[in-house]
N, C-alpha and C. Protein backbone atom coordinates (compact mmCIF):
# COMPACT_ATOMS: atom_id res chain seq x y z
N UNK A 1 24.71 55.52 -129.06
CA UNK A 1 23.84 55.91 -130.21
C UNK A 1 22.27 55.52 -129.96
N UNK A 2 22.20 54.38 -129.75
CA UNK A 2 20.92 53.88 -129.29
C UNK A 2 20.22 54.54 -128.38
N UNK A 3 20.82 54.81 -127.13
CA UNK A 3 20.38 55.45 -126.02
C UNK A 3 19.95 56.90 -126.45
N UNK A 4 20.65 57.51 -127.22
CA UNK A 4 20.21 58.88 -127.87
C UNK A 4 19.02 59.03 -128.43
N UNK A 5 18.95 57.92 -129.35
CA UNK A 5 17.67 58.10 -130.26
C UNK A 5 16.32 57.61 -129.46
N UNK A 6 16.75 56.66 -128.17
CA UNK A 6 15.55 56.55 -127.43
C UNK A 6 15.28 57.59 -126.69
N UNK A 7 16.14 58.26 -126.07
CA UNK A 7 15.87 59.52 -125.43
C UNK A 7 15.29 60.76 -126.31
N UNK A 8 15.62 60.57 -127.40
CA UNK A 8 14.96 61.88 -128.12
C UNK A 8 13.53 61.53 -128.50
N UNK A 9 13.25 60.15 -128.77
CA UNK A 9 11.98 59.57 -128.97
C UNK A 9 11.05 60.01 -127.89
N UNK A 10 11.75 59.38 -126.56
CA UNK A 10 10.98 59.69 -125.53
C UNK A 10 10.78 61.23 -125.27
N UNK A 11 11.81 62.01 -125.38
CA UNK A 11 11.44 63.66 -125.39
C UNK A 11 10.27 64.01 -126.20
N UNK A 12 10.17 63.56 -127.54
CA UNK A 12 9.16 64.08 -128.52
C UNK A 12 7.77 63.46 -127.77
N UNK A 13 7.86 62.37 -127.69
CA UNK A 13 6.47 61.78 -127.20
C UNK A 13 6.04 62.47 -125.90
N UNK A 14 6.91 62.81 -125.09
CA UNK A 14 6.32 63.50 -123.90
C UNK A 14 5.95 64.90 -124.31
N UNK A 15 6.86 65.62 -124.96
CA UNK A 15 6.24 67.17 -125.38
C UNK A 15 5.05 67.27 -126.28
N UNK A 16 4.90 66.08 -127.11
CA UNK A 16 3.82 66.18 -127.97
C UNK A 16 2.70 65.54 -127.83
N UNK A 17 2.59 65.06 -126.52
CA UNK A 17 1.19 64.40 -125.93
C UNK A 17 0.05 65.38 -125.83
N UNK A 18 0.30 66.69 -125.42
CA UNK A 18 -0.78 67.52 -125.28
C UNK A 18 -1.58 67.59 -126.72
N UNK A 19 -0.70 67.49 -127.66
CA UNK A 19 -1.36 67.70 -129.17
C UNK A 19 -1.98 66.76 -129.59
N UNK A 20 -1.89 65.36 -129.01
CA UNK A 20 -2.63 64.47 -129.48
C UNK A 20 -3.87 63.97 -128.79
N UNK A 21 -4.71 64.79 -128.69
CA UNK A 21 -5.99 64.58 -127.95
C UNK A 21 -6.02 64.84 -126.25
N UNK A 22 -4.83 65.16 -125.74
CA UNK A 22 -4.96 65.54 -124.51
C UNK A 22 -5.75 66.87 -124.27
N UNK A 23 -6.85 67.19 -123.96
CA UNK A 23 -7.50 68.27 -123.79
C UNK A 23 -6.84 69.11 -122.59
N UNK A 24 -6.42 70.51 -123.20
CA UNK A 24 -5.80 71.52 -122.17
C UNK A 24 -6.92 72.39 -121.92
N UNK A 25 -7.16 72.85 -120.57
CA UNK A 25 -8.12 73.96 -120.36
C UNK A 25 -7.75 75.09 -120.62
N UNK A 26 -8.49 76.04 -121.72
CA UNK A 26 -8.34 77.05 -121.99
C UNK A 26 -9.35 78.22 -121.38
N UNK A 27 -8.91 79.26 -120.67
CA UNK A 27 -9.89 80.10 -120.07
C UNK A 27 -10.41 81.17 -121.13
N UNK A 28 -11.68 81.15 -121.26
CA UNK A 28 -12.41 82.18 -122.28
C UNK A 28 -12.32 83.43 -121.88
N UNK A 29 -12.91 83.65 -120.69
CA UNK A 29 -12.89 84.93 -119.76
C UNK A 29 -11.96 84.77 -118.84
N UNK A 30 -11.54 86.03 -118.39
CA UNK A 30 -10.64 86.17 -117.42
C UNK A 30 -10.88 85.85 -116.02
N UNK A 31 -10.12 85.56 -115.07
CA UNK A 31 -10.41 85.09 -113.89
C UNK A 31 -11.01 86.06 -112.84
N UNK A 32 -10.61 87.47 -113.22
CA UNK A 32 -10.90 88.39 -112.48
C UNK A 32 -12.43 88.71 -112.32
N UNK A 33 -13.27 88.86 -111.42
CA UNK A 33 -14.59 89.03 -111.47
C UNK A 33 -15.03 90.46 -112.29
N UNK A 34 -14.07 91.56 -112.11
CA UNK A 34 -14.44 92.73 -112.54
C UNK A 34 -14.18 92.84 -114.13
N UNK A 35 -13.18 91.92 -114.68
CA UNK A 35 -13.03 91.80 -116.04
C UNK A 35 -14.19 91.01 -116.78
N UNK A 36 -14.87 90.00 -115.89
CA UNK A 36 -15.93 89.44 -116.60
C UNK A 36 -17.15 90.61 -116.71
N UNK A 37 -17.24 91.28 -115.49
CA UNK A 37 -18.19 92.26 -115.64
C UNK A 37 -18.10 93.13 -116.84
N UNK A 38 -16.82 93.78 -116.94
CA UNK A 38 -16.72 94.70 -118.38
C UNK A 38 -17.01 94.02 -119.52
N UNK A 39 -16.72 92.66 -119.71
CA UNK A 39 -17.03 91.93 -121.03
C UNK A 39 -18.42 91.71 -121.08
N UNK A 40 -19.36 91.46 -120.15
CA UNK A 40 -20.76 91.44 -120.16
C UNK A 40 -21.45 92.69 -120.22
N UNK A 41 -20.96 93.63 -119.71
CA UNK A 41 -21.46 95.09 -119.90
C UNK A 41 -21.15 95.12 -121.42
N UNK A 42 -20.11 95.17 -121.87
CA UNK A 42 -19.80 95.67 -123.45
C UNK A 42 -20.55 94.74 -124.28
N UNK A 43 -20.95 93.58 -124.11
CA UNK A 43 -21.83 92.65 -125.02
C UNK A 43 -23.25 93.33 -124.76
N UNK A 44 -23.61 93.76 -123.67
CA UNK A 44 -25.09 94.20 -123.40
C UNK A 44 -25.32 95.65 -124.04
N UNK A 45 -24.30 96.49 -123.84
CA UNK A 45 -24.08 97.81 -124.79
C UNK A 45 -24.12 97.35 -126.24
N UNK A 46 -23.47 96.39 -126.78
CA UNK A 46 -23.55 96.19 -128.31
C UNK A 46 -24.92 95.88 -128.68
N UNK A 47 -25.59 94.89 -127.98
CA UNK A 47 -26.84 94.56 -128.20
C UNK A 47 -27.72 95.53 -128.26
N UNK A 48 -27.87 96.55 -127.25
CA UNK A 48 -28.44 97.52 -127.09
C UNK A 48 -28.49 98.61 -128.36
N UNK A 49 -27.15 98.71 -128.84
CA UNK A 49 -26.99 99.53 -129.99
C UNK A 49 -27.63 99.00 -131.18
N UNK A 50 -27.29 97.46 -131.52
CA UNK A 50 -27.84 96.79 -132.61
C UNK A 50 -29.41 97.08 -132.69
N UNK A 51 -30.18 96.68 -131.58
CA UNK A 51 -31.40 96.86 -131.51
C UNK A 51 -31.96 98.29 -131.80
N UNK A 52 -31.23 99.18 -131.18
CA UNK A 52 -31.54 100.84 -131.42
C UNK A 52 -31.23 101.04 -133.03
N UNK A 53 -30.26 100.68 -133.51
CA UNK A 53 -30.04 100.87 -135.10
C UNK A 53 -31.07 100.22 -135.68
N UNK A 54 -31.74 99.23 -135.35
CA UNK A 54 -32.72 98.59 -136.26
C UNK A 54 -34.12 99.31 -136.08
N UNK A 55 -34.33 99.72 -134.84
CA UNK A 55 -35.57 100.50 -134.53
C UNK A 55 -35.47 101.84 -135.45
N UNK A 56 -34.32 102.50 -135.55
CA UNK A 56 -34.17 103.71 -136.09
C UNK A 56 -34.25 103.57 -137.63
N UNK A 57 -33.79 102.39 -138.34
CA UNK A 57 -33.74 102.29 -139.43
C UNK A 57 -35.43 101.89 -139.96
N UNK A 58 -36.06 100.97 -139.07
CA UNK A 58 -37.61 100.88 -139.36
C UNK A 58 -38.29 102.26 -139.30
N UNK A 59 -38.02 103.03 -138.58
CA UNK A 59 -38.61 104.56 -138.52
C UNK A 59 -38.33 105.20 -139.60
N UNK A 60 -37.20 105.24 -140.10
CA UNK A 60 -36.81 106.12 -141.19
C UNK A 60 -37.68 105.54 -142.37
N UNK A 61 -37.57 104.17 -142.47
CA UNK A 61 -38.29 103.55 -143.87
C UNK A 61 -39.52 103.93 -143.62
N UNK A 62 -40.57 103.61 -142.58
CA UNK A 62 -42.01 104.18 -142.47
C UNK A 62 -42.00 105.57 -142.71
N UNK A 63 -41.23 106.47 -142.51
CA UNK A 63 -41.17 107.90 -142.90
C UNK A 63 -41.21 108.02 -144.32
N UNK A 64 -40.12 107.27 -144.94
CA UNK A 64 -40.15 107.33 -146.42
C UNK A 64 -41.25 106.92 -147.22
N UNK A 65 -41.82 105.86 -146.79
CA UNK A 65 -43.11 104.98 -147.19
C UNK A 65 -44.49 106.13 -147.01
N UNK A 66 -44.31 106.87 -146.03
CA UNK A 66 -45.57 107.83 -145.79
C UNK A 66 -45.29 108.97 -146.60
N UNK A 67 -44.11 109.29 -146.90
CA UNK A 67 -43.98 110.40 -147.91
C UNK A 67 -44.19 110.34 -149.35
N UNK A 68 -44.06 108.89 -149.61
CA UNK A 68 -44.30 108.28 -151.02
C UNK A 68 -45.82 107.95 -151.13
N UNK A 69 -46.52 107.83 -150.24
CA UNK A 69 -48.19 107.68 -150.20
C UNK A 69 -48.71 108.97 -150.60
N UNK A 70 -47.92 110.01 -149.86
CA UNK A 70 -48.62 111.50 -149.75
C UNK A 70 -48.33 112.13 -151.35
N UNK A 71 -47.09 111.71 -152.03
CA UNK A 71 -46.87 112.13 -153.17
C UNK A 71 -45.86 113.50 -153.03
N UNK A 72 -45.31 113.36 -151.84
CA UNK A 72 -44.49 114.74 -151.69
C UNK A 72 -43.25 114.56 -152.40
N UNK A 73 -42.84 113.33 -152.75
CA UNK A 73 -41.55 113.06 -153.47
C UNK A 73 -41.52 113.34 -154.98
N UNK A 74 -42.66 113.54 -155.58
CA UNK A 74 -42.68 113.74 -156.93
C UNK A 74 -42.60 115.44 -157.41
N UNK A 75 -42.21 115.27 -158.54
CA UNK A 75 -41.87 116.90 -159.04
C UNK A 75 -43.38 117.25 -159.57
N UNK A 76 -43.83 118.63 -159.42
CA UNK A 76 -44.95 118.92 -160.02
C UNK A 76 -44.66 120.01 -160.92
N UNK A 77 -45.21 119.79 -162.05
CA UNK A 77 -45.03 120.81 -162.90
C UNK A 77 -45.57 122.22 -162.94
N UNK A 78 -46.80 122.48 -162.11
CA UNK A 78 -47.36 123.60 -162.05
C UNK A 78 -46.72 124.57 -160.91
N UNK A 79 -45.69 124.35 -160.33
CA UNK A 79 -45.38 124.83 -159.27
C UNK A 79 -44.47 126.04 -159.74
N UNK A 80 -45.03 127.46 -159.33
CA UNK A 80 -44.10 128.63 -159.83
C UNK A 80 -42.67 128.69 -159.42
N UNK A 81 -42.02 129.25 -160.26
CA UNK A 81 -40.55 129.32 -160.00
C UNK A 81 -40.05 130.85 -160.15
N UNK A 82 -38.84 131.08 -159.66
CA UNK A 82 -38.55 132.69 -159.58
C UNK A 82 -37.89 133.09 -160.72
N UNK A 83 -37.83 132.41 -161.80
CA UNK A 83 -36.95 132.62 -163.17
C UNK A 83 -37.70 133.55 -163.78
């Protein structure tokens, strides 16, 4: 009985040792170089897309600001209608 308890404790200690501070190496990027290239390429495309969206939004906001300065967005009362 005593031998079984000691062997069980030893087994638990050996299997749980990586959980208690022993750092295991985890690969974030795959080892194959072509997979790394695909990941970096995807990140570059993502950032280009984000930057282009910011530029488009700024252009649209400037266009809206310009039309508001010209007064095109206001309704005019003296405009002839077809009624």
